[in-house]
Protein backbone atom coordinates (compact mmCIF):
# COMPACT_ATOMS: atom_id res chain seq x y z
CA MET A 1 -26.52 -18.48 0.90
CA ALA A 2 -24.20 -15.64 -0.11
CA HIS A 3 -25.77 -12.22 -0.55
CA SER A 4 -25.71 -11.09 -4.18
CA LEU A 5 -23.65 -7.95 -4.78
CA ARG A 6 -23.59 -5.83 -7.92
CA TYR A 7 -20.13 -4.70 -9.06
CA ALA A 8 -19.08 -2.01 -11.53
CA ILE A 9 -15.47 -1.65 -12.70
CA VAL A 10 -13.80 1.67 -13.58
CA GLY A 11 -10.64 1.21 -15.63
CA ALA A 12 -11.89 -1.98 -17.27
CA GLY A 13 -9.14 -1.87 -19.90
CA ALA A 14 -6.30 -1.85 -17.37
CA GLY A 15 -4.02 -4.85 -17.07
CA ILE A 16 -4.80 -5.20 -13.35
CA ALA A 17 -8.53 -5.42 -14.12
CA GLU A 18 -7.96 -8.95 -15.40
CA LEU A 19 -7.06 -10.10 -11.88
CA HIS A 20 -10.23 -8.51 -10.51
CA LEU A 21 -12.34 -10.23 -13.14
CA ARG A 22 -10.79 -13.59 -12.25
CA ALA A 23 -11.59 -13.04 -8.59
CA LEU A 24 -15.17 -12.01 -9.32
CA ALA A 25 -15.62 -15.11 -11.48
CA GLN A 26 -14.97 -17.20 -8.34
CA LEU A 27 -17.72 -15.46 -6.36
CA PRO A 28 -20.95 -17.21 -7.37
CA ALA A 29 -23.21 -14.47 -6.05
CA ALA A 30 -21.30 -11.57 -7.65
CA ARG A 31 -22.77 -9.76 -10.65
CA ILE A 32 -20.81 -7.39 -12.88
CA VAL A 33 -23.37 -4.78 -13.94
CA GLY A 34 -21.16 -2.30 -15.80
CA MET A 35 -17.66 -1.37 -16.93
CA ALA A 36 -16.15 1.98 -17.75
CA ASP A 37 -12.92 3.11 -19.38
CA LEU A 38 -11.75 6.22 -21.21
CA ASN A 39 -10.38 3.92 -23.90
CA PRO A 40 -13.27 2.09 -25.61
CA GLU A 41 -10.92 -0.08 -27.65
CA ARG A 42 -9.62 -1.71 -24.47
CA GLY A 43 -12.65 -1.52 -22.23
CA ARG A 44 -15.53 -2.42 -24.53
CA PRO A 45 -14.32 -5.98 -25.37
CA ARG A 46 -14.03 -6.82 -21.67
CA ALA A 47 -17.53 -5.53 -21.00
CA ALA A 48 -18.84 -7.56 -23.91
CA ALA A 49 -17.13 -10.70 -22.59
CA ALA A 50 -18.70 -10.09 -19.16
CA GLY A 51 -22.12 -9.47 -20.71
CA CYS A 52 -22.55 -6.01 -19.21
CA PRO A 53 -22.93 -2.49 -20.63
CA PHE A 54 -19.87 -0.35 -21.34
CA PHE A 55 -19.45 3.35 -20.58
CA THR A 56 -16.75 5.95 -21.16
CA ASP A 57 -18.06 8.04 -18.23
CA HIS A 58 -17.86 6.39 -14.82
CA CYS A 59 -20.48 8.69 -13.27
CA ALA A 60 -22.96 7.78 -15.99
CA MET A 61 -22.20 4.11 -15.40
CA ILE A 62 -22.78 4.35 -11.64
CA GLU A 63 -26.06 6.22 -12.08
CA ALA A 64 -27.31 3.82 -14.77
CA THR A 65 -26.32 0.55 -13.10
CA GLN A 66 -26.65 1.37 -9.36
CA PRO A 67 -23.84 -0.97 -8.23
CA ASP A 68 -23.26 -2.00 -4.62
CA VAL A 69 -19.49 -1.80 -5.12
CA VAL A 70 -17.40 0.31 -7.49
CA VAL A 71 -14.00 -1.23 -8.26
CA ILE A 72 -11.31 1.29 -9.26
CA CYS A 73 -8.50 0.01 -11.51
CA THR A 74 -7.37 3.31 -13.08
CA PRO A 75 -3.96 5.02 -12.67
CA HIS A 76 -3.36 6.20 -9.12
CA PRO A 77 -3.94 9.99 -9.46
CA SER A 78 -7.55 9.40 -10.58
CA HIS A 79 -8.51 7.20 -7.60
CA PRO A 80 -9.72 9.94 -5.20
CA GLN A 81 -12.21 11.63 -7.52
CA ILE A 82 -13.69 8.36 -8.76
CA ALA A 83 -14.07 7.18 -5.15
CA LEU A 84 -15.78 10.45 -4.16
CA ASP A 85 -18.15 10.10 -7.12
CA ALA A 86 -18.98 6.53 -6.07
CA PHE A 87 -19.63 7.43 -2.43
CA ALA A 88 -21.82 10.35 -3.50
CA ARG A 89 -23.98 7.86 -5.42
CA GLY A 90 -24.28 5.38 -2.55
CA ALA A 91 -21.74 2.72 -3.52
CA HIS A 92 -19.01 1.02 -1.54
CA VAL A 93 -15.50 1.25 -3.05
CA LEU A 94 -12.68 -1.21 -3.63
CA VAL A 95 -9.68 0.70 -4.95
CA GLU A 96 -6.38 -0.59 -6.25
CA LYS A 97 -3.24 0.32 -4.35
CA PRO A 98 -2.10 2.92 -3.68
CA MET A 99 -5.40 4.51 -2.73
CA ALA A 100 -4.06 7.93 -3.78
CA ILE A 101 -0.71 9.58 -4.51
CA GLN A 102 -0.75 11.90 -1.50
CA VAL A 103 -2.14 11.40 1.97
CA ALA A 104 -4.34 14.51 1.88
CA ASP A 105 -6.38 12.86 -0.90
CA ALA A 106 -6.55 9.64 1.11
CA ASP A 107 -8.00 11.60 4.01
CA ARG A 108 -10.68 13.03 1.72
CA MET A 109 -11.59 9.54 0.57
CA ILE A 110 -11.84 8.27 4.16
CA ALA A 111 -13.98 11.24 5.19
CA ALA A 112 -16.30 10.80 2.19
CA ALA A 113 -16.79 7.10 2.96
CA ASP A 114 -17.64 7.89 6.57
CA ALA A 115 -20.04 10.66 5.57
CA ALA A 116 -21.82 8.37 3.11
CA GLY A 117 -21.92 5.42 5.50
CA ARG A 118 -20.12 3.31 2.89
CA LEU A 119 -17.02 1.10 3.05
CA LEU A 120 -13.64 1.92 1.54
CA ALA A 121 -11.42 -1.13 0.90
CA VAL A 122 -7.93 -1.02 -0.58
CA ASN A 123 -6.41 -3.90 -2.52
CA PHE A 124 -3.41 -4.84 -0.40
CA GLN A 125 -3.78 -8.56 -1.01
CA GLN A 126 -0.39 -9.45 0.50
CA ARG A 127 -1.86 -9.04 3.97
CA PHE A 128 -3.78 -12.27 3.31
CA ARG A 129 -0.64 -14.35 2.64
CA PRO A 130 -0.28 -17.25 5.13
CA VAL A 131 3.16 -16.06 6.31
CA VAL A 132 1.82 -12.58 7.04
CA GLU A 133 -1.26 -13.87 8.86
CA ARG A 134 0.96 -16.17 10.95
CA ALA A 135 3.22 -13.23 11.81
CA ILE A 136 0.25 -11.13 12.91
CA ARG A 137 -0.95 -13.96 15.13
CA PHE A 138 2.52 -14.20 16.70
CA ILE A 139 2.38 -10.46 17.51
CA ALA A 140 -1.23 -10.57 18.75
CA GLU A 141 -0.40 -13.40 21.13
CA GLY A 142 2.30 -11.23 22.73
CA GLU A 143 5.22 -13.39 21.66
CA LEU A 144 7.16 -10.56 20.03
CA GLY A 145 7.00 -8.11 22.94
CA GLU A 146 8.07 -4.50 22.48
CA LEU A 147 9.58 -3.65 19.10
CA MET A 148 13.39 -3.51 19.02
CA ARG A 149 14.04 -3.27 15.26
CA ALA A 150 12.23 -3.58 11.91
CA GLN A 151 13.93 -4.22 8.59
CA VAL A 152 12.37 -4.89 5.19
CA SER A 153 13.88 -5.24 1.74
CA GLU A 154 12.40 -6.32 -1.57
CA SER A 155 13.55 -6.63 -5.16
CA TRP A 156 10.86 -5.67 -7.68
CA TYR A 157 13.04 -6.02 -10.79
CA ARG A 158 11.54 -4.53 -13.94
CA THR A 159 12.83 -4.00 -17.49
CA ALA A 160 12.45 -1.02 -19.82
CA ALA A 161 9.64 -2.90 -21.56
CA TYR A 162 7.57 -2.66 -18.39
CA TYR A 163 7.70 1.13 -18.33
CA LYS A 164 7.05 1.36 -22.06
CA GLN A 165 3.80 -0.62 -21.65
CA ALA A 166 2.11 2.43 -20.09
CA PRO A 167 3.52 5.94 -20.54
CA TRP A 168 2.11 7.11 -17.19
CA ARG A 169 4.37 4.74 -15.26
CA GLY A 170 7.36 6.24 -13.52
CA THR A 171 6.15 9.85 -13.94
CA TRP A 172 5.16 12.47 -11.39
CA ARG A 173 1.94 13.38 -13.19
CA GLY A 174 0.92 9.85 -14.10
CA GLU A 175 1.93 8.00 -10.96
CA GLY A 176 3.13 10.48 -8.34
CA GLY A 177 6.44 8.61 -8.15
CA ALA A 178 7.65 5.20 -9.30
CA ILE A 179 8.60 2.28 -7.09
CA LEU A 180 7.31 3.99 -3.93
CA MET A 181 3.90 4.54 -5.52
CA ASN A 182 3.65 1.25 -7.36
CA GLN A 183 5.49 -1.95 -6.44
CA ALA A 184 6.94 -1.11 -3.01
CA THR A 185 3.66 0.18 -1.69
CA HIS A 186 3.06 -3.51 -0.82
CA THR A 187 6.40 -3.65 1.03
CA LEU A 188 5.62 -0.48 2.96
CA ASP A 189 2.14 -1.75 3.80
CA LEU A 190 3.53 -4.95 5.31
CA LEU A 191 6.07 -2.94 7.31
CA CYS A 192 3.31 -0.74 8.75
CA HIS A 193 1.00 -3.74 9.26
CA LEU A 194 3.59 -5.66 11.27
CA ALA A 195 5.52 -2.89 13.06
CA GLY A 196 3.27 0.15 12.92
CA LEU A 197 3.83 3.56 11.35
CA PRO A 198 7.26 5.03 12.16
CA ALA A 199 7.56 8.35 13.97
CA LYS A 200 10.54 9.71 12.01
CA VAL A 201 11.87 9.08 8.48
CA TRP A 202 15.13 9.76 6.66
CA GLY A 203 14.59 9.03 2.96
CA TRP A 204 16.84 8.52 -0.08
CA THR A 205 15.71 7.93 -3.66
CA LYS A 206 17.61 7.47 -6.92
CA THR A 207 16.95 6.65 -10.57
CA ARG A 208 19.77 4.19 -11.20
CA ILE A 209 19.21 2.25 -14.43
CA HIS A 210 15.80 3.10 -15.92
CA ALA A 211 15.03 5.96 -18.29
CA ILE A 212 12.13 7.21 -16.17
CA GLU A 213 11.34 10.50 -14.48
CA CYS A 214 11.02 9.16 -10.93
CA GLU A 215 12.87 6.79 -8.60
CA ASP A 216 13.66 3.16 -9.37
CA THR A 217 15.44 2.68 -6.03
CA ALA A 218 14.39 3.90 -2.57
CA GLN A 219 15.56 3.40 0.97
CA ALA A 220 14.88 4.90 4.35
CA MET A 221 16.09 4.87 7.91
CA LEU A 222 13.21 4.86 10.36
CA GLU A 223 12.61 5.57 14.02
CA PHE A 224 9.51 4.21 15.75
CA SER A 225 7.68 5.90 18.60
CA ASN A 226 9.48 3.83 21.25
CA GLY A 227 12.89 4.70 19.78
CA ALA A 228 13.32 1.42 17.89
CA PRO A 229 15.24 1.76 14.60
CA GLY A 230 14.05 0.51 11.22
CA TYR A 231 15.31 0.19 7.68
CA PHE A 232 13.54 -0.10 4.32
CA THR A 233 14.92 -0.64 0.83
CA ALA A 234 13.30 -1.59 -2.47
CA SER A 235 14.30 -1.36 -6.10
CA THR A 236 13.17 -2.14 -9.64
CA ALA A 237 16.84 -1.89 -10.68
CA GLU A 238 18.24 -4.86 -8.78
CA ALA A 239 17.76 -8.56 -9.40
CA ILE A 240 18.73 -11.12 -6.77
CA GLY A 241 19.10 -14.88 -6.80
CA GLY A 242 17.59 -15.58 -3.40
CA PRO A 243 14.31 -14.66 -1.73
CA ARG A 244 12.86 -11.55 -3.32
CA GLN A 245 11.30 -10.31 -0.09
CA ARG A 246 12.87 -10.26 3.39
CA ILE A 247 11.12 -8.97 6.49
CA LEU A 248 12.74 -8.93 9.93
CA ILE A 249 10.80 -7.81 12.99
CA VAL A 250 12.85 -8.02 16.19
CA GLY A 251 11.15 -7.78 19.56
CA GLU A 252 12.27 -8.04 23.19
CA ARG A 253 10.66 -11.49 23.50
CA GLY A 254 10.89 -12.91 19.98
CA VAL A 255 11.77 -12.42 16.34
CA ILE A 256 9.82 -12.78 13.07
CA GLU A 257 11.75 -13.40 9.87
CA ILE A 258 9.95 -13.78 6.53
CA ALA A 259 11.71 -14.76 3.32
CA ASP A 260 9.06 -15.11 0.60
CA ALA A 261 6.94 -18.14 1.69
CA GLN A 262 9.12 -19.13 4.66
CA ILE A 263 8.64 -17.73 8.14
CA THR A 264 10.97 -18.26 11.09
CA LEU A 265 9.53 -17.60 14.56
CA THR A 266 12.04 -17.23 17.39
CA ARG A 267 11.01 -17.22 21.07
CA PHE A 268 13.43 -16.14 23.82
CA ALA A 269 13.30 -17.96 27.15
CA ARG A 270 13.70 -14.56 28.88
CA ASP A 271 13.05 -11.16 27.38
CA VAL A 272 16.21 -9.34 26.30
CA ARG A 273 15.77 -6.38 28.65
CA GLU A 274 15.51 -8.54 31.73
CA PHE A 275 18.33 -10.83 30.57
CA ALA A 276 20.60 -7.84 29.83
CA ALA A 277 20.14 -6.64 33.43
CA HIS A 278 20.54 -10.01 35.14
CA GLY A 279 22.32 -12.33 32.66
CA PRO A 280 25.06 -14.63 34.03
CA GLY A 281 28.02 -13.24 32.07
CA PRO A 282 29.23 -10.39 29.86
CA TYR A 283 28.72 -12.34 26.60
CA ALA A 284 25.72 -14.48 27.51
CA ALA A 285 22.54 -14.45 25.41
CA PRO A 286 19.07 -15.73 26.27
CA GLU A 287 18.19 -19.25 25.23
CA PHE A 288 15.64 -19.54 22.45
CA THR A 289 13.45 -21.92 20.51
CA GLN A 290 12.74 -21.60 16.83
CA ASP A 291 10.05 -22.74 14.38
CA VAL A 292 10.76 -22.64 10.65
CA LEU A 293 7.57 -22.93 8.60
CA GLU A 294 6.95 -23.11 4.86
CA LEU A 295 3.57 -21.48 4.24
CA PRO A 296 3.13 -21.18 0.48
CA GLY A 297 0.15 -19.50 -1.12
CA ASP A 298 -1.03 -15.94 -1.56
CA GLY A 299 -4.02 -16.19 0.76
CA GLY A 300 -6.34 -16.03 -2.22
CA GLY A 301 -4.82 -12.90 -3.73
CA HIS A 302 -7.53 -10.60 -5.05
CA LEU A 303 -10.13 -13.22 -4.22
CA ALA A 304 -9.30 -12.95 -0.51
CA VAL A 305 -9.79 -9.19 -0.66
CA TYR A 306 -13.20 -9.61 -2.31
CA ARG A 307 -14.30 -12.26 0.17
CA ASP A 308 -13.31 -10.03 3.07
CA LEU A 309 -15.14 -7.04 1.59
CA GLU A 310 -18.31 -9.08 1.03
CA ALA A 311 -18.13 -10.35 4.63
CA ALA A 312 -17.58 -6.81 5.92
CA ILE A 313 -20.67 -5.56 4.08
CA ALA A 314 -22.77 -8.48 5.35
CA GLU A 315 -21.51 -8.19 8.93
CA GLY A 316 -21.56 -4.39 9.16
CA ARG A 317 -17.83 -4.12 9.94
CA GLN A 318 -14.81 -2.50 8.35
CA PRO A 319 -12.78 -4.51 5.79
CA ARG A 320 -9.40 -5.74 6.98
CA VAL A 321 -7.60 -3.26 4.72
CA ASN A 322 -9.77 -0.18 5.07
CA GLY A 323 -8.83 3.39 4.21
CA CYS A 324 -7.23 4.14 7.58
CA GLU A 325 -5.10 1.01 7.39
CA ALA A 326 -4.05 1.72 3.79
CA ARG A 327 -3.14 5.36 4.38
CA MET A 328 -0.22 4.36 6.63
CA SER A 329 1.93 3.09 3.75
CA LEU A 330 0.97 6.11 1.64
CA GLU A 331 2.01 8.52 4.39
CA LEU A 332 5.30 6.66 4.76
CA ALA A 333 5.93 6.73 0.99
CA ASN A 334 5.20 10.46 0.90
CA ALA A 335 7.52 11.02 3.85
CA ILE A 336 10.38 9.14 2.16
CA THR A 337 9.91 11.19 -1.00
CA TYR A 338 9.73 14.46 0.93
CA SER A 339 12.85 13.66 2.94
CA ALA A 340 14.76 12.55 -0.14
CA HIS A 341 13.98 15.74 -2.08
CA THR A 342 14.50 18.19 0.78
CA GLY A 343 17.46 16.47 2.42
CA ARG A 344 15.73 16.61 5.79
CA PRO A 345 14.30 14.03 8.17
CA VAL A 346 10.51 14.01 8.40
CA THR A 347 8.59 13.71 11.65
CA LEU A 348 5.15 12.15 11.27
CA PRO A 349 2.31 13.05 10.92
CA LEU A 350 3.37 14.39 7.54
CA ASP A 351 2.85 18.06 6.72
CA CYS A 352 0.31 17.49 3.96
CA ASP A 353 0.40 21.05 2.62
CA ALA A 354 4.18 20.99 2.29
CA TYR A 355 4.05 17.64 0.52
CA ALA A 356 1.36 18.91 -1.86
CA ALA A 357 3.64 21.84 -2.74
CA LEU A 358 6.58 19.51 -3.38
CA LEU A 359 4.45 17.20 -5.54
CA ALA A 360 3.12 20.12 -7.59
CA HIS A 361 6.70 21.32 -8.05
CA LEU A 362 7.80 17.91 -9.30
CA GLN A 363 4.75 17.49 -11.53
CA SER A 364 5.47 20.86 -13.14
CA GLY A 365 8.83 19.58 -14.34
CA ALA A 366 10.64 22.31 -12.42
CA GLY A 367 12.67 19.69 -10.57
CA ARG A 368 14.46 18.82 -13.82
CA ASP A 369 15.66 22.43 -14.02
CA GLU A 370 17.01 22.32 -10.47
CA GLN A 371 14.58 24.92 -9.19
CA PRO A 372 14.34 25.40 -5.40
CA ILE A 373 12.34 22.65 -3.76
CA PRO A 374 9.53 23.88 -1.48
CA THR A 375 9.79 23.00 2.20
CA SER A 376 7.54 23.65 5.16
CA ASP A 377 9.90 26.51 6.16
CA SER A 378 9.53 28.28 2.81
CA LEU A 379 5.75 27.76 2.97
CA SER A 380 5.45 28.89 6.62
CA ILE A 381 3.39 25.82 7.46
CA SER A 382 3.33 24.36 10.93
CA PRO A 383 4.56 20.76 11.22
CA GLY A 384 1.87 18.11 11.32
CA SER A 385 -0.92 20.07 9.58
CA ARG A 386 -3.34 17.66 7.97
CA GLU A 387 -6.22 18.17 5.61
CA SER A 388 -9.16 15.85 6.20
């Protein structure tokens, strides 16, 4: 019999909260014991429908209801403090992506969870998609070999109406960015999940068609620790007729190609390094076999994340998308933004103090007046410093 867990939701009036409520409704042992939102007009009706008390103060809600898990559905900049408040009161945390808007805050969240002996889970539900799980199995079984190249692209087309729904979207203060902090954080997470965190980043961002403060288009050239190249691009400005998401992971022994719900797995008869040294002719290529699989489904979406978190609590293990796993895509997003605004490549680990200075500069609105952009040189900060 499933262990009963008590859940409390912060940001109950948010649009994304509806998906969490649907997932919780499918967990027979789950109990929603409280909801909080700064906007009573949006949050109170949802609490009433769930039959639980409503609060405008999340700390008061946690203290009054004593939940096992606090679910955070608020805008991104508020995630760290709410998570710290939950850990301080003995609760586990499930936070919407991205976990924070800068990696220094993510590190504080991870440290607070560890200190409290609680779990921090981040809602990257795309990791539970069948195509992604099959790709991870291919890698774990050694069929990819050493990374040779990684390439991901995704269209997240949005209209002006989307940004008008919530005035915090697409702003430095409200979101810490736009596509890199919202939609494409999923794309970046899958890149890091399948290929690992790059070692070096050259970023480029533009606002091409939307009347927003931050980027609607982003791309980056990447270099991984073994020297393998990578490429990332995502946009809310472009619509395409074919697969919205394309992921290509090329290895010395095989290749993974994902196009939405289709995955193609290629296996070379001989690894490319060995064949290059001893192949029979100047234009020869290794023989290969290929499996093309249609694996529809989202892996349970939010429900899969909740089931994994409940199992992690029961089994005394980390959730599949814990804080350390989720911080990779945030660090990469921050690095792309930093590189794009300074015109310099970024070597990871990211200089957290320099990024904090850049973000504060952008949030102040100074960037619109073409004021000098802070860099690690102007701040006299050593590369790789990290607050934890």
